[in-house]
């Protein structure tokens, strides 16, 4: 493999909505997914919150963002915001 070729890492990426931006350099992202119930087969919504690193503090409450897995940054933070998918709508 030559130096001109870029090495692509297979990191997991998720898309979710920011539900908290109160901490410095950290946002809480709520990721929702739909899955079939184990016994009944009905489609149900499952959700999970991830703490993601936001170095510049540029993402705000309600923004839809993409996060990707990184090295552990703190005890609870091993994800980083990679891009803004959709800006929060004003009410």
PDB file of N, CA and C in Angstrom:
ATOM      1  N   UNK A   1       0.846  -1.179   0.000  1.00  0.00           N
ATOM      2  CA  UNK A   1       0.000   0.000   0.000  1.00  0.00           C
ATOM      3  C   UNK A   1       0.886   1.235   0.000  1.00  0.00           C
ATOM      4  N   UNK A   2       0.659   2.150  -0.921  1.00  0.00           N
ATOM      5  CA  UNK A   2       1.498   3.340  -1.017  1.00  0.00           C
ATOM      6  C   UNK A   2       1.005   4.432  -0.076  1.00  0.00           C
ATOM      7  N   UNK A   3       1.838   5.444   0.099  1.00  0.00           N
ATOM      8  CA  UNK A   3       1.493   6.532   1.008  1.00  0.00           C
ATOM      9  C   UNK A   3       0.388   7.414   0.460  1.00  0.00           C
ATOM     10  N   UNK A   4       0.173   7.410  -0.854  1.00  0.00           N
ATOM     11  CA  UNK A   4      -0.853   8.270  -1.428  1.00  0.00           C
ATOM     12  C   UNK A   4      -2.259   7.755  -1.170  1.00  0.00           C
ATOM     13  N   UNK A   5      -2.404   6.451  -0.928  1.00  0.00           N
ATOM     14  CA  UNK A   5      -3.720   5.901  -0.630  1.00  0.00           C
ATOM     15  C   UNK A   5      -4.067   6.186   0.820  1.00  0.00           C
ATOM     16  N   UNK A   6      -5.322   6.610   1.046  1.00  0.00           N
ATOM     17  CA  UNK A   6      -5.741   6.874   2.416  1.00  0.00           C
ATOM     18  C   UNK A   6      -6.289   5.596   3.030  1.00  0.00           C
ATOM     19  N   UNK A   7      -5.990   5.404   4.303  1.00  0.00           N
ATOM     20  CA  UNK A   7      -6.504   4.234   5.003  1.00  0.00           C
ATOM     21  C   UNK A   7      -7.859   4.599   5.594  1.00  0.00           C
ATOM     22  N   UNK A   8      -8.864   3.805   5.280  1.00  0.00           N
ATOM     23  CA  UNK A   8     -10.220   4.069   5.750  1.00  0.00           C
ATOM     24  C   UNK A   8     -10.509   3.127   6.906  1.00  0.00           C
ATOM     25  N   UNK A   9     -10.837   3.723   8.066  1.00  0.00           N
ATOM     26  CA  UNK A   9     -11.190   2.923   9.229  1.00  0.00           C
ATOM     27  C   UNK A   9     -12.680   2.628   9.197  1.00  0.00           C
ATOM     28  N   UNK A  10     -13.034   1.456   9.642  1.00  0.00           N
ATOM     29  CA  UNK A  10     -14.446   1.090   9.718  1.00  0.00           C
ATOM     30  C   UNK A  10     -14.977   1.470  11.095  1.00  0.00           C
ATOM     31  N   UNK A  11     -15.328   2.741  11.264  1.00  0.00           N
ATOM     32  CA  UNK A  11     -15.870   3.203  12.531  1.00  0.00           C
ATOM     33  C   UNK A  11     -17.382   3.278  12.433  1.00  0.00           C
ATOM     34  N   UNK A  12     -18.041   2.987  13.526  1.00  0.00           N
ATOM     35  CA  UNK A  12     -19.501   3.051  13.554  1.00  0.00           C
ATOM     36  C   UNK A  12     -19.944   4.510  13.535  1.00  0.00           C
ATOM     37  N   UNK A  13     -20.995   4.805  12.800  1.00  0.00           N
ATOM     38  CA  UNK A  13     -21.585   6.141  12.793  1.00  0.00           C
ATOM     39  C   UNK A  13     -23.072   6.022  13.083  1.00  0.00           C
ATOM     40  N   UNK A  14     -23.589   6.991  13.832  1.00  0.00           N
ATOM     41  CA  UNK A  14     -25.003   7.035  14.183  1.00  0.00           C
ATOM     42  C   UNK A  14     -25.521   8.444  13.956  1.00  0.00           C
ATOM     43  N   UNK A  15     -26.809   8.573  13.736  1.00  0.00           N
ATOM     44  CA  UNK A  15     -27.436   9.882  13.564  1.00  0.00           C
ATOM     45  C   UNK A  15     -28.469  10.054  14.665  1.00  0.00           C
ATOM     46  N   UNK A  16     -28.417  11.197  15.348  1.00  0.00           N
ATOM     47  CA  UNK A  16     -29.358  11.449  16.433  1.00  0.00           C
ATOM     48  C   UNK A  16     -29.535  12.930  16.697  1.00  0.00           C
ATOM     49  N   UNK A  17     -30.434  13.233  17.632  1.00  0.00           N
ATOM     50  CA  UNK A  17     -30.763  14.617  17.976  1.00  0.00           C
ATOM     51  C   UNK A  17     -30.116  14.994  19.302  1.00  0.00           C
ATOM     52  N   UNK A  18     -29.575  16.208  19.369  1.00  0.00           N
ATOM     53  CA  UNK A  18     -28.939  16.695  20.605  1.00  0.00           C
ATOM     54  C   UNK A  18     -30.026  17.056  21.612  1.00  0.00           C
ATOM     55  N   UNK A  19     -29.949  16.450  22.797  1.00  0.00           N
ATOM     56  CA  UNK A  19     -30.924  16.715  23.850  1.00  0.00           C
ATOM     57  C   UNK A  19     -30.324  17.518  24.999  1.00  0.00           C
ATOM     58  N   UNK A  20     -28.988  17.676  25.016  1.00  0.00           N
ATOM     59  CA  UNK A  20     -28.348  18.499  26.039  1.00  0.00           C
ATOM     60  C   UNK A  20     -27.020  19.029  25.503  1.00  0.00           C
ATOM     61  N   UNK A  21     -26.794  20.327  25.738  1.00  0.00           N
ATOM     62  CA  UNK A  21     -25.518  20.946  25.350  1.00  0.00           C
ATOM     63  C   UNK A  21     -24.959  21.786  26.493  1.00  0.00           C
ATOM     64  N   UNK A  22     -25.279  21.404  27.718  1.00  0.00           N
ATOM     65  CA  UNK A  22     -24.916  22.204  28.886  1.00  0.00           C
ATOM     66  C   UNK A  22     -23.453  22.071  29.312  1.00  0.00           C
ATOM     67  N   UNK A  23     -22.809  20.953  28.980  1.00  0.00           N
ATOM     68  CA  UNK A  23     -21.427  20.756  29.410  1.00  0.00           C
ATOM     69  C   UNK A  23     -20.438  21.302  28.400  1.00  0.00           C
ATOM     70  N   UNK A  24     -19.263  21.658  28.877  1.00  0.00           N
ATOM     71  CA  UNK A  24     -18.219  22.183  28.000  1.00  0.00           C
ATOM     72  C   UNK A  24     -17.682  21.064  27.113  1.00  0.00           C
ATOM     73  N   UNK A  25     -17.642  21.309  25.818  1.00  0.00           N
ATOM     74  CA  UNK A  25     -17.083  20.383  24.812  1.00  0.00           C
ATOM     75  C   UNK A  25     -17.789  19.038  24.741  1.00  0.00           C
ATOM     76  N   UNK A  26     -19.007  18.939  25.279  1.00  0.00           N
ATOM     77  CA  UNK A  26     -19.743  17.677  25.262  1.00  0.00           C
ATOM     78  C   UNK A  26     -21.215  17.933  24.956  1.00  0.00           C
ATOM     79  N   UNK A  27     -21.787  17.092  24.106  1.00  0.00           N
ATOM     80  CA  UNK A  27     -23.224  17.126  23.850  1.00  0.00           C
ATOM     81  C   UNK A  27     -23.787  15.734  24.094  1.00  0.00           C
ATOM     82  N   UNK A  28     -25.057  15.679  24.494  1.00  0.00           N
ATOM     83  CA  UNK A  28     -25.741  14.409  24.665  1.00  0.00           C
ATOM     84  C   UNK A  28     -26.631  14.197  23.455  1.00  0.00           C
ATOM     85  N   UNK A  29     -26.433  13.061  22.775  1.00  0.00           N
ATOM     86  CA  UNK A  29     -27.156  12.780  21.536  1.00  0.00           C
ATOM     87  C   UNK A  29     -28.094  11.600  21.768  1.00  0.00           C
ATOM     88  N   UNK A  30     -29.380  11.796  21.467  1.00  0.00           N
ATOM     89  CA  UNK A  30     -30.380  10.742  21.583  1.00  0.00           C
ATOM     90  C   UNK A  30     -30.529  10.071  20.222  1.00  0.00           C
ATOM     91  N   UNK A  31     -30.194   8.788  20.157  1.00  0.00           N
ATOM     92  CA  UNK A  31     -30.285   8.020  18.918  1.00  0.00           C
ATOM     93  C   UNK A  31     -31.483   7.086  19.031  1.00  0.00           C
ATOM     94  N   UNK A  32     -32.430   7.228  18.101  1.00  0.00           N
ATOM     95  CA  UNK A  32     -33.614   6.383  18.097  1.00  0.00           C
ATOM     96  C   UNK A  32     -33.545   5.422  16.928  1.00  0.00           C
ATOM     97  N   UNK A  33     -33.999   4.198  17.159  1.00  0.00           N
ATOM     98  CA  UNK A  33     -34.054   3.206  16.097  1.00  0.00           C
ATOM     99  C   UNK A  33     -35.319   2.399  16.265  1.00  0.00           C
ATOM    100  N   UNK A  34     -35.760   1.790  15.189  1.00  0.00           N
ATOM    101  CA  UNK A  34     -36.955   0.946  15.233  1.00  0.00           C
ATOM    102  C   UNK A  34     -36.520  -0.508  15.125  1.00  0.00           C
ATOM    103  N   UNK A  35     -37.084  -1.341  15.993  1.00  0.00           N
ATOM    104  CA  UNK A  35     -36.726  -2.756  15.997  1.00  0.00           C
ATOM    105  C   UNK A  35     -37.977  -3.582  16.274  1.00  0.00           C
ATOM    106  N   UNK A  36     -37.964  -4.803  15.812  1.00  0.00           N
ATOM    107  CA  UNK A  36     -39.086  -5.702  16.063  1.00  0.00           C
ATOM    108  C   UNK A  36     -39.003  -6.237  17.491  1.00  0.00           C
ATOM    109  N   UNK A  37     -40.144  -6.313  18.158  1.00  0.00           N
ATOM    110  CA  UNK A  37     -40.206  -6.872  19.498  1.00  0.00           C
ATOM    111  C   UNK A  37     -39.833  -8.354  19.438  1.00  0.00           C
ATOM    112  N   UNK A  38     -39.070  -8.816  20.419  1.00  0.00           N
ATOM    113  CA  UNK A  38     -38.537 -10.173  20.390  1.00  0.00           C
ATOM    114  C   UNK A  38     -39.635 -11.231  20.343  1.00  0.00           C
ATOM    115  N   UNK A  39     -40.696 -11.048  21.132  1.00  0.00           N
ATOM    116  CA  UNK A  39     -41.744 -12.057  21.231  1.00  0.00           C
ATOM    117  C   UNK A  39     -42.909 -11.791  20.280  1.00  0.00           C
ATOM    118  N   UNK A  40     -43.369 -10.541  20.232  1.00  0.00           N
ATOM    119  CA  UNK A  40     -44.602 -10.239  19.514  1.00  0.00           C
ATOM    120  C   UNK A  40     -44.386  -9.760  18.081  1.00  0.00           C
ATOM    121  N   UNK A  41     -43.171  -9.366  17.741  1.00  0.00           N
ATOM    122  CA  UNK A  41     -42.888  -8.959  16.372  1.00  0.00           C
ATOM    123  C   UNK A  41     -43.329  -7.561  16.007  1.00  0.00           C
ATOM    124  N   UNK A  42     -43.986  -6.851  16.921  1.00  0.00           N
ATOM    125  CA  UNK A  42     -44.426  -5.485  16.645  1.00  0.00           C
ATOM    126  C   UNK A  42     -43.207  -4.568  16.567  1.00  0.00           C
ATOM    127  N   UNK A  43     -43.245  -3.605  15.664  1.00  0.00           N
ATOM    128  CA  UNK A  43     -42.157  -2.645  15.534  1.00  0.00           C
ATOM    129  C   UNK A  43     -42.267  -1.629  16.671  1.00  0.00           C
ATOM    130  N   UNK A  44     -41.216  -1.537  17.479  1.00  0.00           N
ATOM    131  CA  UNK A  44     -41.197  -0.604  18.611  1.00  0.00           C
ATOM    132  C   UNK A  44     -39.984   0.311  18.500  1.00  0.00           C
ATOM    133  N   UNK A  45     -40.089   1.505  19.078  1.00  0.00           N
ATOM    134  CA  UNK A  45     -38.987   2.470  19.044  1.00  0.00           C
ATOM    135  C   UNK A  45     -38.057   2.206  20.216  1.00  0.00           C
ATOM    136  N   UNK A  46     -36.781   2.096  19.927  1.00  0.00           N
ATOM    137  CA  UNK A  46     -35.755   1.940  20.961  1.00  0.00           C
ATOM    138  C   UNK A  46     -34.873   3.183  20.888  1.00  0.00           C
ATOM    139  N   UNK A  47     -34.409   3.654  22.039  1.00  0.00           N
ATOM    140  CA  UNK A  47     -33.557   4.841  22.035  1.00  0.00           C
ATOM    141  C   UNK A  47     -32.411   4.678  23.022  1.00  0.00           C
ATOM    142  N   UNK A  48     -31.345   5.412  22.768  1.00  0.00           N
ATOM    143  CA  UNK A  48     -30.181   5.391  23.646  1.00  0.00           C
ATOM    144  C   UNK A  48     -29.480   6.744  23.556  1.00  0.00           C
ATOM    145  N   UNK A  49     -28.930   7.194  24.675  1.00  0.00           N
ATOM    146  CA  UNK A  49     -28.198   8.464  24.703  1.00  0.00           C
ATOM    147  C   UNK A  49     -26.701   8.204  24.692  1.00  0.00           C
ATOM    148  N   UNK A  50     -25.989   9.000  23.916  1.00  0.00           N
ATOM    149  CA  UNK A  50     -24.536   8.924  23.839  1.00  0.00           C
ATOM    150  C   UNK A  50     -23.961  10.291  24.164  1.00  0.00           C
ATOM    151  N   UNK A  51     -22.852  10.319  24.909  1.00  0.00           N
ATOM    152  CA  UNK A  51     -22.114  11.556  25.134  1.00  0.00           C
ATOM    153  C   UNK A  51     -21.096  11.681  24.007  1.00  0.00           C
ATOM    154  N   UNK A  52     -21.119  12.807  23.300  1.00  0.00           N
ATOM    155  CA  UNK A  52     -20.228  12.991  22.155  1.00  0.00           C
ATOM    156  C   UNK A  52     -19.391  14.249  22.343  1.00  0.00           C
ATOM    157  N   UNK A  53     -18.170  14.198  21.842  1.00  0.00           N
ATOM    158  CA  UNK A  53     -17.224  15.300  21.955  1.00  0.00           C
ATOM    159  C   UNK A  53     -17.533  16.367  20.918  1.00  0.00           C
ATOM    160  N   UNK A  54     -17.602  17.628  21.363  1.00  0.00           N
ATOM    161  CA  UNK A  54     -17.858  18.786  20.496  1.00  0.00           C
ATOM    162  C   UNK A  54     -16.813  19.837  20.854  1.00  0.00           C
ATOM    163  N   UNK A  55     -15.658  19.777  20.207  1.00  0.00           N
ATOM    164  CA  UNK A  55     -14.496  20.596  20.565  1.00  0.00           C
ATOM    165  C   UNK A  55     -14.799  22.089  20.597  1.00  0.00           C
ATOM    166  N   UNK A  56     -15.466  22.606  19.573  1.00  0.00           N
ATOM    167  CA  UNK A  56     -15.689  24.058  19.456  1.00  0.00           C
ATOM    168  C   UNK A  56     -17.000  24.515  20.090  1.00  0.00           C
ATOM    169  N   UNK A  57     -17.851  23.611  20.493  1.00  0.00           N
ATOM    170  CA  UNK A  57     -19.138  23.980  21.068  1.00  0.00           C
ATOM    171  C   UNK A  57     -20.075  24.579  20.047  1.00  0.00           C
ATOM    172  N   UNK A  58     -19.998  24.114  18.799  1.00  0.00           N
ATOM    173  CA  UNK A  58     -20.778  24.720  17.717  1.00  0.00           C
ATOM    174  C   UNK A  58     -22.154  24.103  17.531  1.00  0.00           C
ATOM    175  N   UNK A  59     -22.429  22.944  18.135  1.00  0.00           N
ATOM    176  CA  UNK A  59     -23.719  22.287  17.957  1.00  0.00           C
ATOM    177  C   UNK A  59     -24.622  22.606  19.136  1.00  0.00           C
ATOM    178  N   UNK A  60     -25.902  22.868  18.846  1.00  0.00           N
ATOM    179  CA  UNK A  60     -26.833  23.330  19.868  1.00  0.00           C
ATOM    180  C   UNK A  60     -27.991  22.361  20.064  1.00  0.00           C
ATOM    181  N   UNK A  61     -28.768  22.607  21.089  1.00  0.00           N
ATOM    182  CA  UNK A  61     -29.924  21.795  21.451  1.00  0.00           C
ATOM    183  C   UNK A  61     -30.890  21.676  20.274  1.00  0.00           C
ATOM    184  N   UNK A  62     -31.293  20.457  19.952  1.00  0.00           N
ATOM    185  CA  UNK A  62     -32.247  20.229  18.876  1.00  0.00           C
ATOM    186  C   UNK A  62     -31.634  19.932  17.523  1.00  0.00           C
ATOM    187  N   UNK A  63     -30.330  20.143  17.369  1.00  0.00           N
ATOM    188  CA  UNK A  63     -29.661  19.851  16.095  1.00  0.00           C
ATOM    189  C   UNK A  63     -29.618  18.344  15.859  1.00  0.00           C
ATOM    190  N   UNK A  64     -29.784  17.952  14.589  1.00  0.00           N
ATOM    191  CA  UNK A  64     -29.615  16.551  14.191  1.00  0.00           C
ATOM    192  C   UNK A  64     -28.178  16.411  13.714  1.00  0.00           C
ATOM    193  N   UNK A  65     -27.413  15.515  14.353  1.00  0.00           N
ATOM    194  CA  UNK A  65     -25.988  15.380  14.045  1.00  0.00           C
ATOM    195  C   UNK A  65     -25.615  13.922  13.803  1.00  0.00           C
ATOM    196  N   UNK A  66     -24.463  13.743  13.160  1.00  0.00           N
ATOM    197  CA  UNK A  66     -23.890  12.411  12.975  1.00  0.00           C
ATOM    198  C   UNK A  66     -22.718  12.287  13.935  1.00  0.00           C
ATOM    199  N   UNK A  67     -22.665  11.169  14.664  1.00  0.00           N
ATOM    200  CA  UNK A  67     -21.557  10.925  15.590  1.00  0.00           C
ATOM    201  C   UNK A  67     -20.822   9.670  15.147  1.00  0.00           C
ATOM    202  N   UNK A  68     -19.537   9.636  15.421  1.00  0.00           N
ATOM    203  CA  UNK A  68     -18.755   8.448  15.072  1.00  0.00           C
ATOM    204  C   UNK A  68     -17.927   8.024  16.277  1.00  0.00           C
ATOM    205  N   UNK A  69     -17.628   6.743  16.316  1.00  0.00           N
ATOM    206  CA  UNK A  69     -16.891   6.158  17.425  1.00  0.00           C
ATOM    207  C   UNK A  69     -15.432   6.611  17.372  1.00  0.00           C
ATOM    208  N   UNK A  70     -14.877   6.962  18.525  1.00  0.00           N
ATOM    209  CA  UNK A  70     -13.485   7.393  18.616  1.00  0.00           C
ATOM    210  C   UNK A  70     -12.834   6.691  19.800  1.00  0.00           C
ATOM    211  N   UNK A  71     -11.591   7.075  20.060  1.00  0.00           N
ATOM    212  CA  UNK A  71     -10.925   6.562  21.257  1.00  0.00           C
ATOM    213  C   UNK A  71     -11.633   7.130  22.486  1.00  0.00           C
ATOM    214  N   UNK A  72     -11.527   6.490  23.639  1.00  0.00           N
ATOM    215  CA  UNK A  72     -12.153   7.039  24.845  1.00  0.00           C
ATOM    216  C   UNK A  72     -11.561   8.397  25.211  1.00  0.00           C
ATOM    217  N   UNK A  73     -12.449   9.392  25.353  1.00  0.00           N
ATOM    218  CA  UNK A  73     -12.014  10.750  25.679  1.00  0.00           C
ATOM    219  C   UNK A  73     -12.167  10.992  27.183  1.00  0.00           C
ATOM    220  N   UNK A  74     -13.182  10.392  27.781  1.00  0.00           N
ATOM    221  CA  UNK A  74     -13.371  10.467  29.227  1.00  0.00           C
ATOM    222  C   UNK A  74     -14.072   9.193  29.679  1.00  0.00           C
ATOM    223  N   UNK A  75     -14.517   9.165  30.920  1.00  0.00           N
ATOM    224  CA  UNK A  75     -15.164   7.968  31.464  1.00  0.00           C
ATOM    225  C   UNK A  75     -16.405   7.572  30.665  1.00  0.00           C
ATOM    226  N   UNK A  76     -17.195   8.548  30.249  1.00  0.00           N
ATOM    227  CA  UNK A  76     -18.455   8.252  29.559  1.00  0.00           C
ATOM    228  C   UNK A  76     -18.451   8.642  28.091  1.00  0.00           C
ATOM    229  N   UNK A  77     -17.365   9.219  27.594  1.00  0.00           N
ATOM    230  CA  UNK A  77     -17.366   9.787  26.248  1.00  0.00           C
ATOM    231  C   UNK A  77     -16.390   9.071  25.323  1.00  0.00           C
ATOM    232  N   UNK A  78     -16.947   8.357  24.321  1.00  0.00           N
ATOM    233  CA  UNK A  78     -16.114   7.672  23.334  1.00  0.00           C
ATOM    234  C   UNK A  78     -16.665   7.886  21.925  1.00  0.00           C
ATOM    235  N   UNK A  79     -17.425   8.965  21.736  1.00  0.00           N
ATOM    236  CA  UNK A  79     -17.995   9.331  20.445  1.00  0.00           C
ATOM    237  C   UNK A  79     -17.665  10.795  20.179  1.00  0.00           C
ATOM    238  N   UNK A  80     -17.617  11.179  18.905  1.00  0.00           N
ATOM    239  CA  UNK A  80     -17.358  12.563  18.523  1.00  0.00           C
ATOM    240  C   UNK A  80     -18.337  12.969  17.436  1.00  0.00           C
ATOM    241  N   UNK A  81     -18.784  14.213  17.475  1.00  0.00           N
ATOM    242  CA  UNK A  81     -19.686  14.724  16.444  1.00  0.00           C
ATOM    243  C   UNK A  81     -18.873  14.948  15.173  1.00  0.00           C
ATOM    244  N   UNK A  82     -19.337  14.357  14.063  1.00  0.00           N
ATOM    245  CA  UNK A  82     -18.603  14.485  12.803  1.00  0.00           C
ATOM    246  C   UNK A  82     -19.204  15.522  11.876  1.00  0.00           C
ATOM    247  N   UNK A  83     -20.549  15.623  11.848  1.00  0.00           N
ATOM    248  CA  UNK A  83     -21.152  16.622  10.957  1.00  0.00           C
ATOM    249  C   UNK A  83     -22.568  16.952  11.390  1.00  0.00           C
ATOM    250  N   UNK A  84     -23.025  18.109  10.936  1.00  0.00           N
ATOM    251  CA  UNK A  84     -24.384  18.566  11.188  1.00  0.00           C
ATOM    252  C   UNK A  84     -25.274  18.047  10.066  1.00  0.00           C
ATOM    253  N   UNK A  85     -26.327  17.322  10.416  1.00  0.00           N
ATOM    254  CA  UNK A  85     -27.251  16.799   9.424  1.00  0.00           C
ATOM    255  C   UNK A  85     -28.375  17.792   9.183  1.00  0.00           C
ATOM    256  N   UNK A  86     -28.925  18.334  10.282  1.00  0.00           N
ATOM    257  CA  UNK A  86     -30.040  19.271  10.173  1.00  0.00           C
ATOM    258  C   UNK A  86     -30.011  20.233  11.346  1.00  0.00           C
ATOM    259  N   UNK A  87     -30.145  21.526  11.066  1.00  0.00           N
ATOM    260  CA  UNK A  87     -30.171  22.551  12.108  1.00  0.00           C
ATOM    261  C   UNK A  87     -31.496  22.477  12.849  1.00  0.00           C
ATOM    262  N   UNK A  88     -31.507  22.859  14.120  1.00  0.00           N
ATOM    263  CA  UNK A  88     -32.718  22.843  14.926  1.00  0.00           C
ATOM    264  C   UNK A  88     -33.723  23.844  14.360  1.00  0.00           C
ATOM    265  N   UNK A  89     -34.983  23.439  14.360  1.00  0.00           N
ATOM    266  CA  UNK A  89     -36.053  24.327  13.876  1.00  0.00           C
ATOM    267  C   UNK A  89     -36.454  25.288  14.976  1.00  0.00           C
ATOM    268  N   UNK A  90     -36.689  26.540  14.623  1.00  0.00           N
ATOM    269  CA  UNK A  90     -37.165  27.518  15.589  1.00  0.00           C
ATOM    270  C   UNK A  90     -38.669  27.366  15.751  1.00  0.00           C
ATOM    271  N   UNK A  91     -39.121  27.467  16.990  1.00  0.00           N
ATOM    272  CA  UNK A  91     -40.559  27.300  17.262  1.00  0.00           C
ATOM    273  C   UNK A  91     -41.257  28.632  17.171  1.00  0.00           C
TER     274      UNK A  91
END
